[in-house]
PDB file of N, CA and C in Angstrom:
ATOM      1  N   MET A   1      81.581 -42.628 -20.803  1.00  0.00           N
ATOM      2  CA  MET A   1      80.972 -42.189 -21.962  1.00  0.00           C
ATOM      3  C   MET A   1      79.603 -41.781 -21.509  1.00  0.00           C
ATOM      4  N   LEU A   2      79.006 -40.741 -22.127  1.00  0.00           N
ATOM      5  CA  LEU A   2      77.785 -40.013 -22.217  1.00  0.00           C
ATOM      6  C   LEU A   2      77.175 -40.317 -23.066  1.00  0.00           C
ATOM      7  N   TYR A   3      75.738 -40.416 -22.833  1.00  0.00           N
ATOM      8  CA  TYR A   3      75.590 -40.510 -24.791  1.00  0.00           C
ATOM      9  C   TYR A   3      73.852 -39.871 -24.576  1.00  0.00           C
ATOM     10  N   SER A   4      73.841 -38.875 -25.572  1.00  0.00           N
ATOM     11  CA  SER A   4      72.362 -38.328 -25.874  1.00  0.00           C
ATOM     12  C   SER A   4      71.964 -39.090 -26.868  1.00  0.00           C
ATOM     13  N   VAL A   5      71.189 -39.778 -26.700  1.00  0.00           N
ATOM     14  CA  VAL A   5      70.011 -40.978 -27.551  1.00  0.00           C
ATOM     15  C   VAL A   5      69.372 -39.374 -28.598  1.00  0.00           C
ATOM     16  N   THR A   6      68.693 -39.275 -28.529  1.00  0.00           N
ATOM     17  CA  THR A   6      68.191 -38.259 -29.081  1.00  0.00           C
ATOM     18  C   THR A   6      68.310 -36.810 -29.453  1.00  0.00           C
ATOM     19  N   MET A   7      68.197 -36.070 -30.236  1.00  0.00           N
ATOM     20  CA  MET A   7      68.648 -34.409 -30.361  1.00  0.00           C
ATOM     21  C   MET A   7      67.828 -33.382 -29.630  1.00  0.00           C
ATOM     22  N   GLY A   8      66.862 -33.748 -28.776  1.00  0.00           N
ATOM     23  CA  GLY A   8      65.968 -33.148 -28.158  1.00  0.00           C
ATOM     24  C   GLY A   8      65.167 -32.237 -28.862  1.00  0.00           C
ATOM     25  N   GLU A   9      65.326 -32.455 -30.549  1.00  0.00           N
ATOM     26  CA  GLU A   9      65.115 -31.618 -31.189  1.00  0.00           C
ATOM     27  C   GLU A   9      63.619 -31.171 -31.117  1.00  0.00           C
ATOM     28  N   LYS A  10      62.319 -31.672 -30.415  1.00  0.00           N
ATOM     29  CA  LYS A  10      61.219 -31.582 -30.140  1.00  0.00           C
ATOM     30  C   LYS A  10      60.735 -31.087 -28.695  1.00  0.00           C
ATOM     31  N   CYS A  11      61.801 -30.705 -28.143  1.00  0.00           N
ATOM     32  CA  CYS A  11      61.775 -30.304 -26.451  1.00  0.00           C
ATOM     33  C   CYS A  11      60.562 -29.223 -26.042  1.00  0.00           C
ATOM     34  N   TYR A  12      60.703 -28.153 -27.200  1.00  0.00           N
ATOM     35  CA  TYR A  12      60.001 -27.045 -27.528  1.00  0.00           C
ATOM     36  C   TYR A  12      58.605 -27.285 -28.213  1.00  0.00           C
ATOM     37  N   TYR A  13      58.602 -27.878 -29.016  1.00  0.00           N
ATOM     38  CA  TYR A  13      57.075 -28.623 -29.694  1.00  0.00           C
ATOM     39  C   TYR A  13      56.392 -28.900 -28.971  1.00  0.00           C
ATOM     40  N   VAL A  14      56.656 -30.217 -27.844  1.00  0.00           N
ATOM     41  CA  VAL A  14      55.968 -30.601 -26.978  1.00  0.00           C
ATOM     42  C   VAL A  14      55.224 -29.823 -26.187  1.00  0.00           C
ATOM     43  N   HIS A  15      56.074 -28.425 -25.831  1.00  0.00           N
ATOM     44  CA  HIS A  15      55.285 -27.548 -24.762  1.00  0.00           C
ATOM     45  C   HIS A  15      54.678 -26.167 -26.038  1.00  0.00           C
ATOM     46  N   GLY A  16      54.202 -26.817 -26.381  1.00  0.00           N
ATOM     47  CA  GLY A  16      53.471 -25.434 -27.416  1.00  0.00           C
ATOM     48  C   GLY A  16      54.094 -24.277 -27.939  1.00  0.00           C
ATOM     49  N   VAL A  17      55.598 -24.564 -28.101  1.00  0.00           N
ATOM     50  CA  VAL A  17      56.671 -23.557 -29.141  1.00  0.00           C
ATOM     51  C   VAL A  17      56.384 -24.472 -30.495  1.00  0.00           C
ATOM     52  N   GLU A  18      55.985 -24.067 -31.333  1.00  0.00           N
ATOM     53  CA  GLU A  18      55.627 -24.566 -32.306  1.00  0.00           C
ATOM     54  C   GLU A  18      56.896 -23.851 -33.769  1.00  0.00           C
ATOM     55  N   ASP A  19      56.757 -22.597 -33.148  1.00  0.00           N
ATOM     56  CA  ASP A  19      57.383 -22.211 -34.744  1.00  0.00           C
ATOM     57  C   ASP A  19      58.798 -22.376 -34.981  1.00  0.00           C
ATOM     58  N   ILE A  20      59.549 -23.225 -33.957  1.00  0.00           N
ATOM     59  CA  ILE A  20      61.598 -22.799 -33.795  1.00  0.00           C
ATOM     60  C   ILE A  20      61.565 -24.237 -34.643  1.00  0.00           C
ATOM     61  N   PRO A  21      62.187 -24.373 -36.361  1.00  0.00           N
ATOM     62  CA  PRO A  21      62.478 -25.530 -36.437  1.00  0.00           C
ATOM     63  C   PRO A  21      63.356 -26.551 -35.403  1.00  0.00           C
ATOM     64  N   PHE A  22      63.102 -27.617 -36.300  1.00  0.00           N
ATOM     65  CA  PHE A  22      63.638 -28.989 -35.415  1.00  0.00           C
ATOM     66  C   PHE A  22      65.011 -28.811 -35.199  1.00  0.00           C
ATOM     67  N   ASP A  23      65.431 -28.231 -36.665  1.00  0.00           N
ATOM     68  CA  ASP A  23      67.132 -28.721 -37.053  1.00  0.00           C
ATOM     69  C   ASP A  23      67.691 -27.263 -35.702  1.00  0.00           C
ATOM     70  N   SER A  24      66.878 -26.113 -35.752  1.00  0.00           N
ATOM     71  CA  SER A  24      67.459 -25.361 -35.066  1.00  0.00           C
ATOM     72  C   SER A  24      67.631 -25.728 -33.580  1.00  0.00           C
ATOM     73  N   VAL A  25      66.776 -26.535 -33.587  1.00  0.00           N
ATOM     74  CA  VAL A  25      66.521 -26.579 -31.463  1.00  0.00           C
ATOM     75  C   VAL A  25      67.357 -27.579 -31.335  1.00  0.00           C
ATOM     76  N   ALA A  26      67.900 -29.235 -32.198  1.00  0.00           N
ATOM     77  CA  ALA A  26      68.737 -29.788 -31.974  1.00  0.00           C
ATOM     78  C   ALA A  26      70.284 -29.152 -32.171  1.00  0.00           C
ATOM     79  N   SER A  27      70.620 -28.323 -32.762  1.00  0.00           N
ATOM     80  CA  SER A  27      71.771 -27.728 -32.801  1.00  0.00           C
ATOM     81  C   SER A  27      71.934 -26.724 -31.160  1.00  0.00           C
ATOM     82  N   LEU A  28      70.974 -25.919 -30.987  1.00  0.00           N
ATOM     83  CA  LEU A  28      71.287 -25.366 -29.590  1.00  0.00           C
ATOM     84  C   LEU A  28      71.228 -26.547 -28.660  1.00  0.00           C
ATOM     85  N   ARG A  29      70.633 -27.668 -28.675  1.00  0.00           N
ATOM     86  CA  ARG A  29      70.833 -28.619 -27.511  1.00  0.00           C
ATOM     87  C   ARG A  29      72.097 -29.454 -28.180  1.00  0.00           C
ATOM     88  N   MET A  30      73.063 -29.773 -28.869  1.00  0.00           N
ATOM     89  CA  MET A  30      74.321 -30.092 -29.153  1.00  0.00           C
ATOM     90  C   MET A  30      75.330 -28.776 -28.604  1.00  0.00           C
ATOM     91  N   HIS A  31      74.765 -27.476 -28.730  1.00  0.00           N
ATOM     92  CA  HIS A  31      75.841 -26.562 -28.200  1.00  0.00           C
ATOM     93  C   HIS A  31      75.428 -26.783 -26.302  1.00  0.00           C
ATOM     94  N   GLU A  32      74.076 -26.735 -26.022  1.00  0.00           N
ATOM     95  CA  GLU A  32      73.796 -26.688 -24.468  1.00  0.00           C
ATOM     96  C   GLU A  32      74.841 -27.763 -24.257  1.00  0.00           C
ATOM     97  N   ALA A  33      74.722 -28.702 -24.739  1.00  0.00           N
ATOM     98  CA  ALA A  33      75.513 -30.711 -23.850  1.00  0.00           C
ATOM     99  C   ALA A  33      76.945 -30.408 -24.139  1.00  0.00           C
ATOM    100  N   PHE A  34      77.298 -29.692 -24.852  1.00  0.00           N
ATOM    101  CA  PHE A  34      79.363 -29.074 -24.971  1.00  0.00           C
ATOM    102  C   PHE A  34      79.719 -28.466 -23.934  1.00  0.00           C
ATOM    103  N   ASN A  35      79.054 -26.942 -23.652  1.00  0.00           N
ATOM    104  CA  ASN A  35      78.523 -26.336 -22.814  1.00  0.00           C
ATOM    105  C   ASN A  35      79.129 -27.054 -21.292  1.00  0.00           C
ATOM    106  N   ALA A  36      77.905 -27.887 -21.588  1.00  0.00           N
ATOM    107  CA  ALA A  36      77.698 -28.240 -20.375  1.00  0.00           C
ATOM    108  C   ALA A  36      79.387 -29.004 -19.850  1.00  0.00           C
ATOM    109  N   MET A  37      79.412 -29.796 -20.754  1.00  0.00           N
ATOM    110  CA  MET A  37      80.846 -30.700 -20.746  1.00  0.00           C
ATOM    111  C   MET A  37      82.467 -29.805 -20.426  1.00  0.00           C
ATOM    112  N   ARG A  38      82.230 -28.783 -20.760  1.00  0.00           N
ATOM    113  CA  ARG A  38      83.143 -27.432 -20.683  1.00  0.00           C
ATOM    114  C   ARG A  38      83.342 -27.136 -19.147  1.00  0.00           C
ATOM    115  N   ILE A  39      81.710 -26.813 -18.746  1.00  0.00           N
ATOM    116  CA  ILE A  39      81.863 -26.760 -17.555  1.00  0.00           C
ATOM    117  C   ILE A  39      82.298 -27.593 -16.238  1.00  0.00           C
ATOM    118  N   LEU A  40      81.939 -28.508 -16.788  1.00  0.00           N
ATOM    119  CA  LEU A  40      82.566 -29.932 -16.137  1.00  0.00           C
ATOM    120  C   LEU A  40      83.520 -30.541 -16.153  1.00  0.00           C
ATOM    121  N   GLU A  41      84.231 -29.896 -17.255  1.00  0.00           N
ATOM    122  CA  GLU A  41      85.845 -29.988 -17.135  1.00  0.00           C
ATOM    123  C   GLU A  41      85.854 -31.611 -17.529  1.00  0.00           C
ATOM    124  N   VAL A  42      84.821 -32.079 -18.953  1.00  0.00           N
ATOM    125  CA  VAL A  42      84.701 -33.566 -19.041  1.00  0.00           C
ATOM    126  C   VAL A  42      85.306 -33.448 -20.846  1.00  0.00           C
ATOM    127  N   PRO A  43      86.661 -34.277 -21.223  1.00  0.00           N
ATOM    128  CA  PRO A  43      86.496 -33.571 -22.568  1.00  0.00           C
ATOM    129  C   PRO A  43      85.019 -34.228 -23.405  1.00  0.00           C
ATOM    130  N   LYS A  44      85.174 -32.888 -24.485  1.00  0.00           N
ATOM    131  CA  LYS A  44      84.137 -33.372 -25.088  1.00  0.00           C
ATOM    132  C   LYS A  44      83.813 -34.844 -26.115  1.00  0.00           C
ATOM    133  N   GLU A  45      84.552 -35.353 -26.059  1.00  0.00           N
ATOM    134  CA  GLU A  45      84.928 -36.817 -26.864  1.00  0.00           C
ATOM    135  C   GLU A  45      84.342 -37.570 -26.156  1.00  0.00           C
ATOM    136  N   ASN A  46      84.396 -37.211 -24.663  1.00  0.00           N
ATOM    137  CA  ASN A  46      83.164 -38.741 -24.392  1.00  0.00           C
ATOM    138  C   ASN A  46      82.064 -38.242 -24.111  1.00  0.00           C
ATOM    139  N   LEU A  47      81.455 -37.071 -24.872  1.00  0.00           N
ATOM    140  CA  LEU A  47      79.811 -37.243 -25.055  1.00  0.00           C
ATOM    141  C   LEU A  47      79.480 -37.585 -26.528  1.00  0.00           C
ATOM    142  N   ILE A  48      79.059 -38.558 -27.049  1.00  0.00           N
ATOM    143  CA  ILE A  48      78.546 -38.961 -28.009  1.00  0.00           C
ATOM    144  C   ILE A  48      76.934 -39.020 -28.154  1.00  0.00           C
ATOM    145  N   PHE A  49      76.775 -38.551 -29.589  1.00  0.00           N
ATOM    146  CA  PHE A  49      75.490 -38.161 -30.151  1.00  0.00           C
ATOM    147  C   PHE A  49      74.520 -39.507 -30.684  1.00  0.00           C
ATOM    148  N   LEU A  50      73.557 -40.309 -30.375  1.00  0.00           N
ATOM    149  CA  LEU A  50      73.209 -41.350 -30.766  1.00  0.00           C
ATOM    150  C   LEU A  50      72.322 -41.324 -32.181  1.00  0.00           C
ATOM    151  N   LYS A  51      71.775 -39.504 -31.944  1.00  0.00           N
ATOM    152  CA  LYS A  51      70.897 -39.169 -32.687  1.00  0.00           C
ATOM    153  C   LYS A  51      69.503 -39.559 -33.396  1.00  0.00           C
ATOM    154  N   LEU A  52      69.122 -40.826 -32.610  1.00  0.00           N
ATOM    155  CA  LEU A  52      67.772 -41.197 -33.053  1.00  0.00           C
ATOM    156  C   LEU A  52      66.903 -40.039 -32.981  1.00  0.00           C
ATOM    157  N   PRO A  53      65.552 -40.053 -33.494  1.00  0.00           N
ATOM    158  CA  PRO A  53      64.737 -39.382 -33.696  1.00  0.00           C
ATOM    159  C   PRO A  53      63.940 -39.370 -32.284  1.00  0.00           C
ATOM    160  N   ASP A  54      63.835 -37.420 -31.656  1.00  0.00           N
ATOM    161  CA  ASP A  54      63.090 -37.356 -30.076  1.00  0.00           C
ATOM    162  C   ASP A  54      61.845 -37.501 -30.817  1.00  0.00           C
ATOM    163  N   ALA A  55      61.448 -38.627 -29.522  1.00  0.00           N
ATOM    164  CA  ALA A  55      60.099 -39.234 -29.059  1.00  0.00           C
ATOM    165  C   ALA A  55      60.070 -40.302 -29.829  1.00  0.00           C
ATOM    166  N   GLY A  56      59.705 -41.419 -29.170  1.00  0.00           N
ATOM    167  CA  GLY A  56      59.440 -42.477 -29.886  1.00  0.00           C
ATOM    168  C   GLY A  56      60.329 -43.613 -29.661  1.00  0.00           C
ATOM    169  N   VAL A  57      61.798 -43.365 -28.888  1.00  0.00           N
ATOM    170  CA  VAL A  57      62.723 -44.074 -28.730  1.00  0.00           C
ATOM    171  C   VAL A  57      62.129 -45.685 -28.186  1.00  0.00           C
ATOM    172  N   SER A  58      61.116 -45.628 -27.484  1.00  0.00           N
ATOM    173  CA  SER A  58      60.656 -47.236 -27.517  1.00  0.00           C
ATOM    174  C   SER A  58      60.531 -48.338 -28.191  1.00  0.00           C
ATOM    175  N   GLU A  59      60.260 -47.302 -29.487  1.00  0.00           N
ATOM    176  CA  GLU A  59      59.775 -48.282 -30.719  1.00  0.00           C
ATOM    177  C   GLU A  59      61.089 -48.865 -31.343  1.00  0.00           C
ATOM    178  N   ARG A  60      62.523 -48.039 -31.600  1.00  0.00           N
ATOM    179  CA  ARG A  60      63.558 -48.028 -31.792  1.00  0.00           C
ATOM    180  C   ARG A  60      64.262 -48.542 -30.793  1.00  0.00           C
ATOM    181  N   ILE A  61      64.188 -49.314 -30.317  1.00  0.00           N
ATOM    182  CA  ILE A  61      65.316 -49.813 -28.753  1.00  0.00           C
ATOM    183  C   ILE A  61      66.208 -51.232 -30.280  1.00  0.00           C
ATOM    184  N   ASP A  62      65.751 -52.011 -30.946  1.00  0.00           N
ATOM    185  CA  ASP A  62      66.790 -52.561 -31.483  1.00  0.00           C
ATOM    186  C   ASP A  62      67.893 -51.680 -32.484  1.00  0.00           C
ATOM    187  N   GLU A  63      67.089 -50.518 -32.378  1.00  0.00           N
ATOM    188  CA  GLU A  63      68.184 -49.468 -33.516  1.00  0.00           C
ATOM    189  C   GLU A  63      69.316 -48.596 -32.367  1.00  0.00           C
ATOM    190  N   LEU A  64      68.666 -48.468 -31.176  1.00  0.00           N
ATOM    191  CA  LEU A  64      69.369 -48.381 -30.274  1.00  0.00           C
ATOM    192  C   LEU A  64      70.431 -49.251 -30.008  1.00  0.00           C
ATOM    193  N   SER A  65      69.613 -50.044 -29.436  1.00  0.00           N
ATOM    194  CA  SER A  65      70.941 -51.329 -29.182  1.00  0.00           C
ATOM    195  C   SER A  65      71.860 -51.529 -29.814  1.00  0.00           C
ATOM    196  N   LYS A  66      72.002 -51.536 -31.670  1.00  0.00           N
ATOM    197  CA  LYS A  66      72.687 -51.831 -32.176  1.00  0.00           C
ATOM    198  C   LYS A  66      74.335 -50.560 -32.642  1.00  0.00           C
ATOM    199  N   LYS A  67      73.429 -49.634 -32.233  1.00  0.00           N
ATOM    200  CA  LYS A  67      74.486 -48.523 -32.364  1.00  0.00           C
ATOM    201  C   LYS A  67      75.142 -48.290 -30.718  1.00  0.00           C
ATOM    202  N   LEU A  68      74.870 -48.740 -29.712  1.00  0.00           N
ATOM    203  CA  LEU A  68      75.503 -48.949 -28.618  1.00  0.00           C
ATOM    204  C   LEU A  68      76.355 -50.303 -28.781  1.00  0.00           C
ATOM    205  N   ARG A  69      76.082 -51.096 -29.097  1.00  0.00           N
ATOM    206  CA  ARG A  69      77.370 -52.094 -29.702  1.00  0.00           C
ATOM    207  C   ARG A  69      78.421 -51.665 -30.889  1.00  0.00           C
ATOM    208  N   ASN A  70      77.780 -51.186 -31.669  1.00  0.00           N
ATOM    209  CA  ASN A  70      78.663 -50.417 -32.651  1.00  0.00           C
ATOM    210  C   ASN A  70      80.042 -49.476 -32.016  1.00  0.00           C
ATOM    211  N   ILE A  71      79.479 -49.043 -31.203  1.00  0.00           N
ATOM    212  CA  ILE A  71      79.896 -48.134 -30.368  1.00  0.00           C
ATOM    213  C   ILE A  71      81.316 -48.748 -29.436  1.00  0.00           C
ATOM    214  N   HIS A  72      80.575 -49.849 -28.576  1.00  0.00           N
ATOM    215  CA  HIS A  72      81.483 -50.502 -28.290  1.00  0.00           C
ATOM    216  C   HIS A  72      82.346 -51.817 -28.548  1.00  0.00           C
ATOM    217  N   LEU A  73      81.781 -51.812 -29.488  1.00  0.00           N
ATOM    218  CA  LEU A  73      83.118 -52.879 -30.281  1.00  0.00           C
ATOM    219  C   LEU A  73      84.090 -52.349 -31.375  1.00  0.00           C
ATOM    220  N   GLN A  74      83.942 -50.964 -31.416  1.00  0.00           N
ATOM    221  CA  GLN A  74      85.280 -50.292 -31.742  1.00  0.00           C
ATOM    222  C   GLN A  74      86.385 -50.109 -31.111  1.00  0.00           C
TER     223      GLN A  74
END
């Protein structure tokens, strides 16, 4: 399994590009991830998006831990 902790929605913003909506960037990043999985011939079911907000993950360790625990208990 591969986990994407955030959707990368702020990746352009932190590089000074402020006019692209975060939801558009998140959608693009998800599409890129699925394309990479296809190229690597890894089933897309092996990619799990945890969808935590981009930036500040270190303040959300408990939430991240809970999401990972829930996945592994299924």
